[in-house]
Amino acid sequence: MTTKAPDSPDIRVIALSAKKAQRRLSALGTAAKNEALLRIADRILADQEVILAANRQDVSDATVEMQAGRLSRSLLDRLKLDEAKLEAMAEGVRAVAALPDPANRIVEKTLLDDGLELDRVTCPLGLLAIIFESRPDAVTQISALALKSGNAVILKGGREAARTTSEIIRSLHRALADTPAIPAEVISSVTARAEVDALLEMDGIIDLVIPRGSNELVRYIQNHTRIPVLGHAEGICHVYVDASASPEMAVSICLDAKLQYPAACNAAETILVHHAAAPDVLRPLLGELLKRDVEVRACEEAREMAAGFPLKEASEEDWKTEYSGPVVSVKIVESLDEAIDHINTYGSGHTDTIVTEDRDSARRFLDEVDSAGVYHNASTRFADGYRYGLGAEVGISTSKIHARGPVGLDGLVTYKYKLYGHGQIVATYSGEKARAFKHLRL
């Protein structure tokens, strides 16, 4: 832990107000939450001119920062909005409204004894702090999921997206003003870096922190708070081309996984090719990658098999590097076992896929690769809350505790036990003449 952040009374007031608003939100029914979400979707589109104008200013400033070497190309790419992206943002909010309400569901009923019934009921986590870089679309995704699941949220976007984030949050508050049952404080924001440190000290008030951004951001958050953190520090994803893979399918999946959106955390960073598949796959694949200006860092065997291609030598560091851009590492492996071992050694537990026509190989890969997402004959880019049918996602978790993979509504609720009795006391169930529990599942 670092030294305690300077007192930030305004931030504490924001957090306490959000916590109070969350308690009101958690008592509301599904209809009120869905009404608010539909109003938010409409308001985003109604305000698109001012949102896009703010985004153009942010992009202009960020371009200068990138040219000066102070901002990465991937962050700039994630920052940009257009009318199509705004429409997709609104559609994502509507999709969340259409999903079942994850809160206040009885997931298990147990009759402990006559007149003594125990319910396990889902409930919101409480107050979430979301700290993200660039990606203004994260504002609507996270806010929609938080609201639908009954959670309040405090948002802190990167300075490169400050104007855009501010305008989107204004739109959200305008929509909530038309839904008086829901307090506007359920969606709050802070802007300064010092305020992040203040938020991270608020264990006991904030229930969960979700960082979305670079490895450095996630690790900073994880190392500077006692509040539980949901997220992933790295997205080192693999495509493994097995001995029985269809060459055409293998090339198609590899290209999509690497190039459909290279800055995404679910983009492939390493391609493993079985030596038996390499004669049919390697040169066509490398040719397509190089044609698209992808830098290829390859093992010695791959360089020998692709003599004449301008490949760079892969180092040990490349196998554990998330490039987040047009760079990929390629390695020839001798067996499925070697591929699985490589992924479990160097991967980040995010998403990995096998291309194969051998169902037994696919089964072993899906069972033995220890990642949140394991795929057969599909691009790693499918690791996404919207594509999973979650409506949207607050982020992707590589943790094995509470939530794993793309985290949607179900990852934002926990549960409590509600016990309904008629004056029963524990003494009745202890001692020589103890009454026996029934423990019947209802």
Protein backbone atom coordinates (compact mmCIF):
# COMPACT_ATOMS: atom_id res chain seq x y z
CA MET A 1 0.00 0.00 0.00
CA THR A 2 1.09 3.53 -0.68
CA THR A 3 0.84 6.52 1.60
CA LYS A 4 -2.77 7.52 2.12
CA ALA A 5 -4.03 9.94 -0.51
CA PRO A 6 -4.64 13.53 0.62
CA ASP A 7 -8.03 14.11 2.18
CA SER A 8 -10.61 14.56 -0.54
CA PRO A 9 -13.85 15.49 1.24
CA ASP A 10 -15.68 16.13 -2.05
CA ILE A 11 -14.79 12.65 -3.28
CA ARG A 12 -15.96 11.14 -0.02
CA VAL A 13 -19.24 13.02 -0.33
CA ILE A 14 -19.63 11.70 -3.89
CA ALA A 15 -18.99 8.15 -2.71
CA LEU A 16 -21.36 8.36 0.25
CA SER A 17 -24.08 9.92 -1.90
CA ALA A 18 -23.62 7.15 -4.47
CA LYS A 19 -23.81 4.53 -1.73
CA LYS A 20 -27.06 6.02 -0.44
CA ALA A 21 -28.50 6.21 -3.95
CA GLN A 22 -27.56 2.57 -4.54
CA ARG A 23 -29.68 1.47 -1.59
CA ARG A 24 -32.69 3.18 -3.16
CA LEU A 25 -31.90 1.65 -6.54
CA SER A 26 -31.60 -1.85 -5.08
CA ALA A 27 -35.19 -1.64 -3.82
CA LEU A 28 -36.64 -0.79 -7.24
CA GLY A 29 -38.32 -3.25 -9.55
CA THR A 30 -37.19 -4.22 -13.01
CA ALA A 31 -39.65 -1.96 -14.84
CA ALA A 32 -38.21 1.26 -13.41
CA LYS A 33 -34.66 0.21 -14.27
CA ASN A 34 -35.60 -0.77 -17.81
CA GLU A 35 -37.42 2.53 -18.33
CA ALA A 36 -34.27 4.41 -17.32
CA LEU A 37 -32.11 2.32 -19.65
CA LEU A 38 -34.36 2.94 -22.65
CA ARG A 39 -34.33 6.67 -21.90
CA ILE A 40 -30.52 6.55 -21.73
CA ALA A 41 -30.32 4.86 -25.14
CA ASP A 42 -32.60 7.50 -26.68
CA ARG A 43 -30.73 10.36 -25.03
CA ILE A 44 -27.33 9.21 -26.32
CA LEU A 45 -28.62 9.42 -29.88
CA ALA A 46 -30.43 12.69 -29.26
CA ASP A 47 -27.17 14.20 -27.97
CA GLN A 48 -24.92 12.67 -30.62
CA GLU A 49 -23.85 15.99 -32.17
CA VAL A 50 -22.48 17.39 -28.92
CA ILE A 51 -20.91 14.03 -27.96
CA LEU A 52 -19.18 13.67 -31.32
CA ALA A 53 -18.00 17.29 -31.24
CA ALA A 54 -16.41 16.68 -27.84
CA ASN A 55 -14.87 13.47 -29.15
CA ARG A 56 -13.33 15.26 -32.13
CA GLN A 57 -11.58 17.63 -29.73
CA ASP A 58 -10.33 14.74 -27.63
CA VAL A 59 -9.09 12.88 -30.71
CA SER A 60 -7.33 16.00 -32.01
CA ASP A 61 -5.46 16.49 -28.73
CA ALA A 62 -4.73 12.76 -28.45
CA THR A 63 -3.27 12.70 -31.97
CA VAL A 64 -0.77 15.38 -30.94
CA GLU A 65 0.09 13.33 -27.85
CA MET A 66 0.58 10.19 -29.94
CA GLN A 67 2.81 11.99 -32.43
CA ALA A 68 4.91 13.23 -29.51
CA GLY A 69 5.23 9.65 -28.20
CA ARG A 70 3.16 10.29 -25.07
CA LEU A 71 0.13 8.22 -26.09
CA SER A 72 -0.09 4.83 -27.79
CA ARG A 73 -1.77 4.24 -31.13
CA SER A 74 -4.05 1.66 -29.48
CA LEU A 75 -5.41 4.24 -27.02
CA LEU A 76 -6.05 6.68 -29.85
CA ASP A 77 -7.91 3.98 -31.81
CA ARG A 78 -10.09 3.15 -28.82
CA LEU A 79 -10.90 6.82 -28.25
CA LYS A 80 -12.54 7.51 -31.61
CA LEU A 81 -16.31 7.65 -31.89
CA ASP A 82 -18.56 8.07 -34.90
CA GLU A 83 -22.31 7.83 -35.57
CA ALA A 84 -22.12 4.06 -36.05
CA LYS A 85 -20.36 3.59 -32.70
CA LEU A 86 -22.90 5.79 -30.93
CA GLU A 87 -25.70 3.74 -32.46
CA ALA A 88 -23.94 0.59 -31.25
CA MET A 89 -23.60 2.11 -27.78
CA ALA A 90 -27.33 2.87 -27.68
CA GLU A 91 -28.15 -0.61 -28.96
CA GLY A 92 -25.95 -2.09 -26.25
CA VAL A 93 -27.95 -0.23 -23.59
CA ARG A 94 -31.21 -1.48 -25.10
CA ALA A 95 -29.81 -5.01 -25.10
CA VAL A 96 -29.13 -4.75 -21.38
CA ALA A 97 -32.70 -3.54 -20.81
CA ALA A 98 -33.98 -6.64 -22.62
CA LEU A 99 -32.01 -9.04 -20.40
CA PRO A 100 -33.48 -10.71 -17.31
CA ASP A 101 -32.93 -8.80 -14.08
CA PRO A 102 -30.12 -10.57 -12.19
CA ALA A 103 -31.02 -9.07 -8.79
CA ASN A 104 -33.56 -10.28 -6.23
CA ARG A 105 -33.81 -13.77 -7.72
CA ILE A 106 -34.33 -16.71 -5.40
CA VAL A 107 -31.74 -19.22 -6.53
CA GLU A 108 -32.29 -21.79 -3.81
CA LYS A 109 -34.96 -22.49 -1.17
CA THR A 110 -34.39 -24.84 1.76
CA LEU A 111 -36.88 -25.92 4.38
CA LEU A 112 -34.76 -26.16 7.54
CA ASP A 113 -37.77 -27.25 9.58
CA ASP A 114 -41.51 -26.70 9.60
CA GLY A 115 -42.02 -22.94 9.62
CA LEU A 116 -38.32 -22.20 9.13
CA GLU A 117 -37.43 -21.46 5.50
CA LEU A 118 -34.08 -20.29 4.11
CA ASP A 119 -33.79 -18.49 0.75
CA ARG A 120 -30.57 -17.71 -1.09
CA VAL A 121 -31.29 -14.51 -3.02
CA THR A 122 -29.16 -12.58 -5.50
CA CYS A 123 -28.38 -8.97 -4.60
CA PRO A 124 -26.22 -6.14 -6.03
CA LEU A 125 -22.57 -5.84 -5.03
CA GLY A 126 -23.13 -2.19 -4.02
CA LEU A 127 -20.89 0.67 -5.14
CA LEU A 128 -18.48 0.12 -8.03
CA ALA A 129 -15.50 2.30 -8.98
CA ILE A 130 -14.59 1.96 -12.66
CA ILE A 131 -11.23 3.37 -13.75
CA PHE A 132 -10.59 3.20 -17.48
CA GLU A 133 -8.38 4.57 -20.22
CA SER A 134 -9.75 5.97 -23.47
CA ARG A 135 -12.79 3.93 -24.70
CA PRO A 136 -15.68 6.34 -24.00
CA ASP A 137 -18.08 3.55 -24.98
CA ALA A 138 -17.16 1.97 -21.64
CA VAL A 139 -19.23 4.71 -19.95
CA THR A 140 -22.52 3.48 -21.37
CA GLN A 141 -21.66 -0.22 -21.15
CA ILE A 142 -20.71 -0.06 -17.50
CA SER A 143 -23.44 2.36 -16.47
CA ALA A 144 -26.13 0.24 -18.11
CA LEU A 145 -24.93 -2.98 -16.50
CA ALA A 146 -24.56 -1.32 -13.11
CA LEU A 147 -28.02 0.22 -13.22
CA LYS A 148 -29.75 -2.97 -14.38
CA SER A 149 -28.07 -5.04 -11.67
CA GLY A 150 -28.89 -2.47 -8.96
CA ASN A 151 -25.36 -1.13 -8.42
CA ALA A 152 -24.18 2.47 -8.24
CA VAL A 153 -21.03 3.42 -10.13
CA ILE A 154 -18.30 6.06 -9.92
CA LEU A 155 -16.51 6.47 -13.25
CA LYS A 156 -12.98 7.78 -13.81
CA GLY A 157 -11.99 7.98 -17.46
CA GLY A 158 -8.58 8.80 -18.88
CA ARG A 159 -7.68 12.43 -19.48
CA GLU A 160 -7.46 11.71 -23.21
CA ALA A 161 -11.25 11.10 -23.21
CA ALA A 162 -12.23 13.77 -20.68
CA ARG A 163 -14.52 15.86 -22.91
CA THR A 164 -16.25 12.85 -24.42
CA THR A 165 -16.75 11.15 -21.07
CA SER A 166 -18.15 14.34 -19.56
CA GLU A 167 -20.71 14.78 -22.34
CA ILE A 168 -21.83 11.16 -22.20
CA ILE A 169 -22.32 11.34 -18.44
CA ARG A 170 -24.31 14.55 -18.93
CA SER A 171 -26.57 12.64 -21.30
CA LEU A 172 -27.01 9.85 -18.76
CA HIS A 173 -28.01 12.36 -16.08
CA ARG A 174 -30.51 14.01 -18.43
CA ALA A 175 -32.09 10.62 -19.00
CA LEU A 176 -32.22 9.87 -15.27
CA ALA A 177 -33.84 13.25 -14.63
CA ASP A 178 -36.80 11.89 -16.59
CA THR A 179 -36.91 8.81 -14.35
CA PRO A 180 -37.45 10.33 -10.87
CA ALA A 181 -37.54 6.96 -9.11
CA ILE A 182 -33.80 6.57 -9.77
CA PRO A 183 -31.44 9.09 -8.12
CA ALA A 184 -28.90 10.67 -10.49
CA GLU A 185 -26.15 9.86 -7.97
CA VAL A 186 -26.21 6.20 -9.01
CA ILE A 187 -23.92 7.33 -11.84
CA SER A 188 -21.13 9.67 -10.74
CA SER A 189 -17.72 10.63 -12.05
CA VAL A 190 -14.38 12.04 -10.97
CA THR A 191 -11.71 13.55 -13.18
CA ALA A 192 -8.35 13.99 -11.44
CA ARG A 193 -5.62 11.39 -10.85
CA ALA A 194 -5.48 12.33 -7.15
CA GLU A 195 -9.16 11.46 -6.90
CA VAL A 196 -8.37 7.93 -8.05
CA ASP A 197 -6.00 7.50 -5.10
CA ALA A 198 -8.73 8.81 -2.80
CA LEU A 199 -11.23 6.30 -4.21
CA LEU A 200 -8.79 3.44 -3.76
CA GLU A 201 -8.59 4.22 -0.04
CA MET A 202 -12.37 3.89 0.44
CA ASP A 203 -12.61 0.26 1.44
CA GLY A 204 -15.79 -0.04 3.44
CA ILE A 205 -17.59 2.36 1.11
CA ILE A 206 -16.64 1.13 -2.37
CA ASP A 207 -17.32 -2.57 -2.85
CA LEU A 208 -15.47 -3.35 -6.08
CA VAL A 209 -12.92 -1.63 -8.33
CA ILE A 210 -12.84 -2.49 -12.03
CA PRO A 211 -9.87 -1.16 -14.02
CA ARG A 212 -10.02 -1.21 -17.82
CA GLY A 213 -6.89 -0.23 -19.67
CA SER A 214 -3.19 -0.91 -19.92
CA ASN A 215 -1.24 -3.49 -17.93
CA GLU A 216 0.32 -0.62 -16.00
CA LEU A 217 -3.07 0.80 -15.00
CA VAL A 218 -4.43 -2.56 -13.84
CA ARG A 219 -1.32 -3.40 -11.84
CA TYR A 220 -1.30 0.05 -10.24
CA ILE A 221 -4.89 -0.42 -9.10
CA GLN A 222 -4.24 -3.94 -7.83
CA ASN A 223 -1.23 -2.78 -5.83
CA HIS A 224 -2.78 0.35 -4.31
CA THR A 225 -6.06 -0.74 -2.78
CA ARG A 226 -7.57 -3.11 -0.23
CA ILE A 227 -10.84 -3.09 -2.17
CA PRO A 228 -11.47 -6.22 -4.29
CA VAL A 229 -10.37 -5.68 -7.91
CA LEU A 230 -11.95 -7.33 -10.94
CA GLY A 231 -9.99 -7.32 -14.17
CA HIS A 232 -7.03 -8.61 -16.09
CA ALA A 233 -3.55 -7.17 -16.37
CA GLU A 234 -2.71 -8.80 -19.71
CA GLY A 235 -4.41 -10.26 -22.75
CA ILE A 236 -1.87 -12.69 -24.19
CA CYS A 237 -4.13 -14.80 -26.40
CA HIS A 238 -3.10 -17.71 -28.63
CA VAL A 239 -4.26 -19.44 -31.77
CA TYR A 240 -3.02 -23.02 -32.01
CA VAL A 241 -3.14 -24.58 -35.49
CA ASP A 242 -3.29 -28.33 -34.91
CA ALA A 243 -1.97 -31.07 -37.20
CA SER A 244 -5.44 -31.78 -38.63
CA ALA A 245 -6.49 -28.16 -39.12
CA SER A 246 -8.10 -27.03 -42.35
CA PRO A 247 -5.45 -24.68 -43.86
CA GLU A 248 -8.05 -22.25 -45.17
CA MET A 249 -9.87 -22.12 -41.84
CA ALA A 250 -6.59 -21.74 -39.95
CA VAL A 251 -5.49 -18.75 -42.02
CA SER A 252 -8.92 -17.12 -41.75
CA ILE A 253 -9.11 -17.51 -37.97
CA CYS A 254 -5.53 -16.34 -37.42
CA LEU A 255 -6.08 -13.21 -39.51
CA ASP A 256 -9.33 -12.36 -37.75
CA ALA A 257 -7.88 -13.00 -34.30
CA LYS A 258 -4.90 -10.76 -35.00
CA LEU A 259 -6.25 -8.08 -37.32
CA GLN A 260 -9.97 -7.57 -36.80
CA TYR A 261 -9.07 -5.18 -33.95
CA PRO A 262 -5.37 -5.49 -33.01
CA ALA A 263 -5.67 -3.16 -29.99
CA ALA A 264 -8.27 -5.36 -28.27
CA CYS A 265 -7.32 -7.48 -25.28
CA ASN A 266 -8.77 -10.55 -27.02
CA ALA A 267 -6.62 -10.15 -30.15
CA ALA A 268 -4.16 -12.99 -30.73
CA GLU A 269 -0.54 -12.24 -29.85
CA THR A 270 1.02 -15.65 -30.51
CA ILE A 271 0.25 -18.21 -33.21
CA LEU A 272 1.38 -21.77 -32.57
CA VAL A 273 1.56 -24.09 -35.59
CA HIS A 274 1.95 -27.86 -35.38
CA HIS A 275 4.96 -28.92 -37.48
CA ALA A 276 2.74 -31.30 -39.48
CA ALA A 277 0.40 -28.41 -40.42
CA ALA A 278 3.18 -25.93 -41.16
CA PRO A 279 3.87 -26.95 -44.80
CA ASP A 280 0.29 -26.09 -45.79
CA VAL A 281 -0.39 -23.22 -43.37
CA LEU A 282 2.77 -21.30 -42.56
CA ARG A 283 3.70 -19.59 -45.82
CA PRO A 284 0.13 -18.64 -46.85
CA LEU A 285 -0.48 -17.26 -43.34
CA LEU A 286 2.75 -15.30 -43.16
CA GLY A 287 2.18 -13.93 -46.64
CA GLU A 288 -1.22 -12.55 -45.61
CA LEU A 289 0.12 -11.10 -42.36
CA LEU A 290 3.05 -9.38 -44.07
CA LYS A 291 0.78 -8.10 -46.84
CA ARG A 292 -1.20 -6.35 -44.09
CA ASP A 293 1.96 -4.78 -42.61
CA VAL A 294 2.10 -7.04 -39.55
CA GLU A 295 5.55 -7.47 -38.03
CA VAL A 296 6.19 -11.20 -37.51
CA ARG A 297 8.60 -12.46 -34.86
CA ALA A 298 9.22 -16.14 -35.41
CA CYS A 299 11.10 -19.05 -33.87
CA GLU A 300 14.10 -20.52 -35.67
CA GLU A 301 12.19 -23.42 -37.23
CA ALA A 302 9.49 -21.10 -38.59
CA ARG A 303 12.12 -18.79 -40.09
CA GLU A 304 13.80 -21.76 -41.78
CA MET A 305 10.49 -23.06 -43.17
CA ALA A 306 9.60 -19.58 -44.45
CA ALA A 307 12.97 -18.70 -45.95
CA GLY A 308 12.72 -15.53 -47.98
CA PHE A 309 10.07 -13.91 -45.78
CA PRO A 310 11.23 -10.84 -43.79
CA LEU A 311 10.71 -12.34 -40.34
CA LYS A 312 12.33 -11.15 -37.12
CA GLU A 313 13.80 -13.48 -34.56
CA ALA A 314 11.46 -14.16 -31.65
CA SER A 315 12.93 -13.89 -28.16
CA GLU A 316 11.77 -15.44 -24.91
CA GLU A 317 10.21 -12.07 -24.07
CA ASP A 318 7.96 -12.22 -27.16
CA TRP A 319 6.10 -15.26 -25.87
CA LYS A 320 4.92 -13.24 -22.85
CA THR A 321 4.26 -9.91 -24.56
CA GLU A 322 0.89 -8.31 -25.30
CA TYR A 323 1.60 -6.22 -28.40
CA SER A 324 -1.84 -4.56 -28.71
CA GLY A 325 -0.94 -3.70 -32.29
CA PRO A 326 0.27 -5.08 -35.65
CA VAL A 327 2.91 -7.44 -34.25
CA VAL A 328 2.59 -11.20 -33.79
CA SER A 329 4.88 -13.98 -32.63
CA VAL A 330 4.89 -17.37 -34.38
CA LYS A 331 6.20 -20.67 -33.07
CA ILE A 332 6.32 -24.19 -34.51
CA VAL A 333 5.41 -26.88 -31.96
CA GLU A 334 5.87 -30.63 -32.19
CA SER A 335 2.68 -31.73 -30.46
CA LEU A 336 -0.61 -30.77 -28.85
CA ASP A 337 1.06 -31.26 -25.48
CA GLU A 338 3.73 -28.71 -26.33
CA ALA A 339 1.08 -26.23 -27.45
CA ILE A 340 -0.90 -26.65 -24.23
CA ASP A 341 2.24 -26.34 -22.11
CA HIS A 342 3.32 -23.20 -23.98
CA ILE A 343 -0.07 -21.53 -23.49
CA ASN A 344 -0.30 -22.43 -19.80
CA THR A 345 3.26 -21.16 -19.30
CA TYR A 346 3.15 -17.88 -21.22
CA GLY A 347 -0.54 -17.08 -21.57
CA SER A 348 -2.47 -14.69 -19.37
CA GLY A 349 -5.50 -16.92 -18.83
CA HIS A 350 -7.63 -14.74 -21.12
CA THR A 351 -8.71 -16.52 -24.33
CA ASP A 352 -7.08 -19.22 -26.46
CA THR A 353 -8.31 -21.22 -29.44
CA ILE A 354 -7.46 -24.42 -31.30
CA VAL A 355 -8.04 -24.93 -35.01
CA THR A 356 -8.47 -28.64 -35.67
CA GLU A 357 -10.70 -31.27 -37.26
CA ASP A 358 -9.74 -33.76 -34.56
CA ARG A 359 -12.46 -33.74 -31.87
CA ASP A 360 -10.26 -35.53 -29.33
CA SER A 361 -7.54 -32.88 -29.73
CA ALA A 362 -10.16 -30.17 -29.37
CA ARG A 363 -11.56 -31.78 -26.22
CA ARG A 364 -8.12 -32.05 -24.64
CA PHE A 365 -7.29 -28.44 -25.52
CA LEU A 366 -10.55 -27.11 -24.05
CA ASP A 367 -10.12 -29.21 -20.91
CA GLU A 368 -6.42 -28.61 -20.27
CA VAL A 369 -5.80 -24.99 -21.27
CA ASP A 370 -6.32 -22.97 -18.10
CA SER A 371 -7.94 -19.84 -19.52
CA ALA A 372 -11.23 -18.01 -19.01
CA GLY A 373 -12.14 -18.66 -22.66
CA VAL A 374 -11.12 -21.78 -24.61
CA TYR A 375 -12.41 -22.13 -28.18
CA HIS A 376 -12.52 -24.68 -30.97
CA ASN A 377 -12.41 -23.44 -34.56
CA ALA A 378 -13.32 -19.85 -33.68
CA SER A 379 -11.51 -16.54 -33.39
CA THR A 380 -10.37 -15.28 -29.99
CA ARG A 381 -12.19 -12.03 -30.82
CA PHE A 382 -15.46 -13.66 -29.73
CA ALA A 383 -14.40 -13.07 -26.10
CA ASP A 384 -16.76 -10.16 -25.56
CA GLY A 385 -19.80 -9.56 -23.38
CA TYR A 386 -22.02 -8.37 -26.22
CA ARG A 387 -21.06 -11.34 -28.42
CA TYR A 388 -21.71 -13.71 -25.52
CA GLY A 389 -25.23 -12.33 -25.22
CA LEU A 390 -24.49 -10.49 -21.97
CA GLY A 391 -25.70 -7.21 -23.46
CA ALA A 392 -22.35 -5.61 -22.69
CA GLU A 393 -19.52 -6.14 -20.22
CA VAL A 394 -17.86 -4.25 -17.41
CA GLY A 395 -14.60 -5.93 -18.33
CA ILE A 396 -12.94 -9.30 -18.71
CA SER A 397 -11.67 -11.12 -15.66
CA THR A 398 -8.90 -13.70 -15.64
CA SER A 399 -9.48 -14.34 -11.95
CA LYS A 400 -11.01 -17.62 -10.82
CA ILE A 401 -12.86 -16.02 -7.93
CA HIS A 402 -16.43 -14.68 -8.29
CA ALA A 403 -16.43 -13.91 -12.03
CA ARG A 404 -14.35 -15.10 -14.97
CA GLY A 405 -14.19 -14.11 -18.63
CA PRO A 406 -16.45 -11.32 -19.95
CA VAL A 407 -18.32 -9.99 -16.92
CA GLY A 408 -21.91 -8.96 -17.50
CA LEU A 409 -24.93 -8.69 -15.26
CA ASP A 410 -24.44 -11.97 -13.39
CA GLY A 411 -20.93 -10.89 -12.41
CA LEU A 412 -22.31 -7.77 -10.71
CA VAL A 413 -24.48 -9.56 -8.19
CA THR A 414 -23.67 -11.63 -5.16
CA TYR A 415 -26.17 -13.26 -2.84
CA LYS A 416 -27.52 -13.11 0.67
CA TYR A 417 -29.43 -15.58 2.82
CA LYS A 418 -32.92 -14.67 3.99
CA LEU A 419 -34.31 -16.76 6.82
CA TYR A 420 -38.04 -16.75 7.58
CA GLY A 421 -39.09 -18.18 10.94
CA HIS A 422 -41.85 -18.20 13.54
CA GLY A 423 -39.91 -17.64 16.73
CA GLN A 424 -37.50 -20.57 16.41
CA ILE A 425 -34.35 -20.58 18.55
CA VAL A 426 -31.12 -22.56 18.14
CA ALA A 427 -31.43 -24.15 21.61
CA THR A 428 -34.30 -26.24 20.26
CA TYR A 429 -31.88 -27.96 17.88
CA SER A 430 -29.14 -28.82 20.39
CA GLY A 431 -28.77 -31.01 23.44
CA GLU A 432 -30.13 -34.47 24.27
CA LYS A 433 -33.64 -33.84 23.01
CA ALA A 434 -32.58 -31.78 20.02
CA ARG A 435 -35.08 -31.38 17.23
CA ALA A 436 -33.69 -32.57 13.88
CA PHE A 437 -33.37 -30.30 10.86
CA LYS A 438 -35.22 -31.39 7.71
CA HIS A 439 -32.95 -29.61 5.16
CA LEU A 440 -35.36 -30.16 2.29
CA ARG A 441 -34.66 -28.43 -1.01
CA LEU A 442 -37.83 -26.73 -2.19
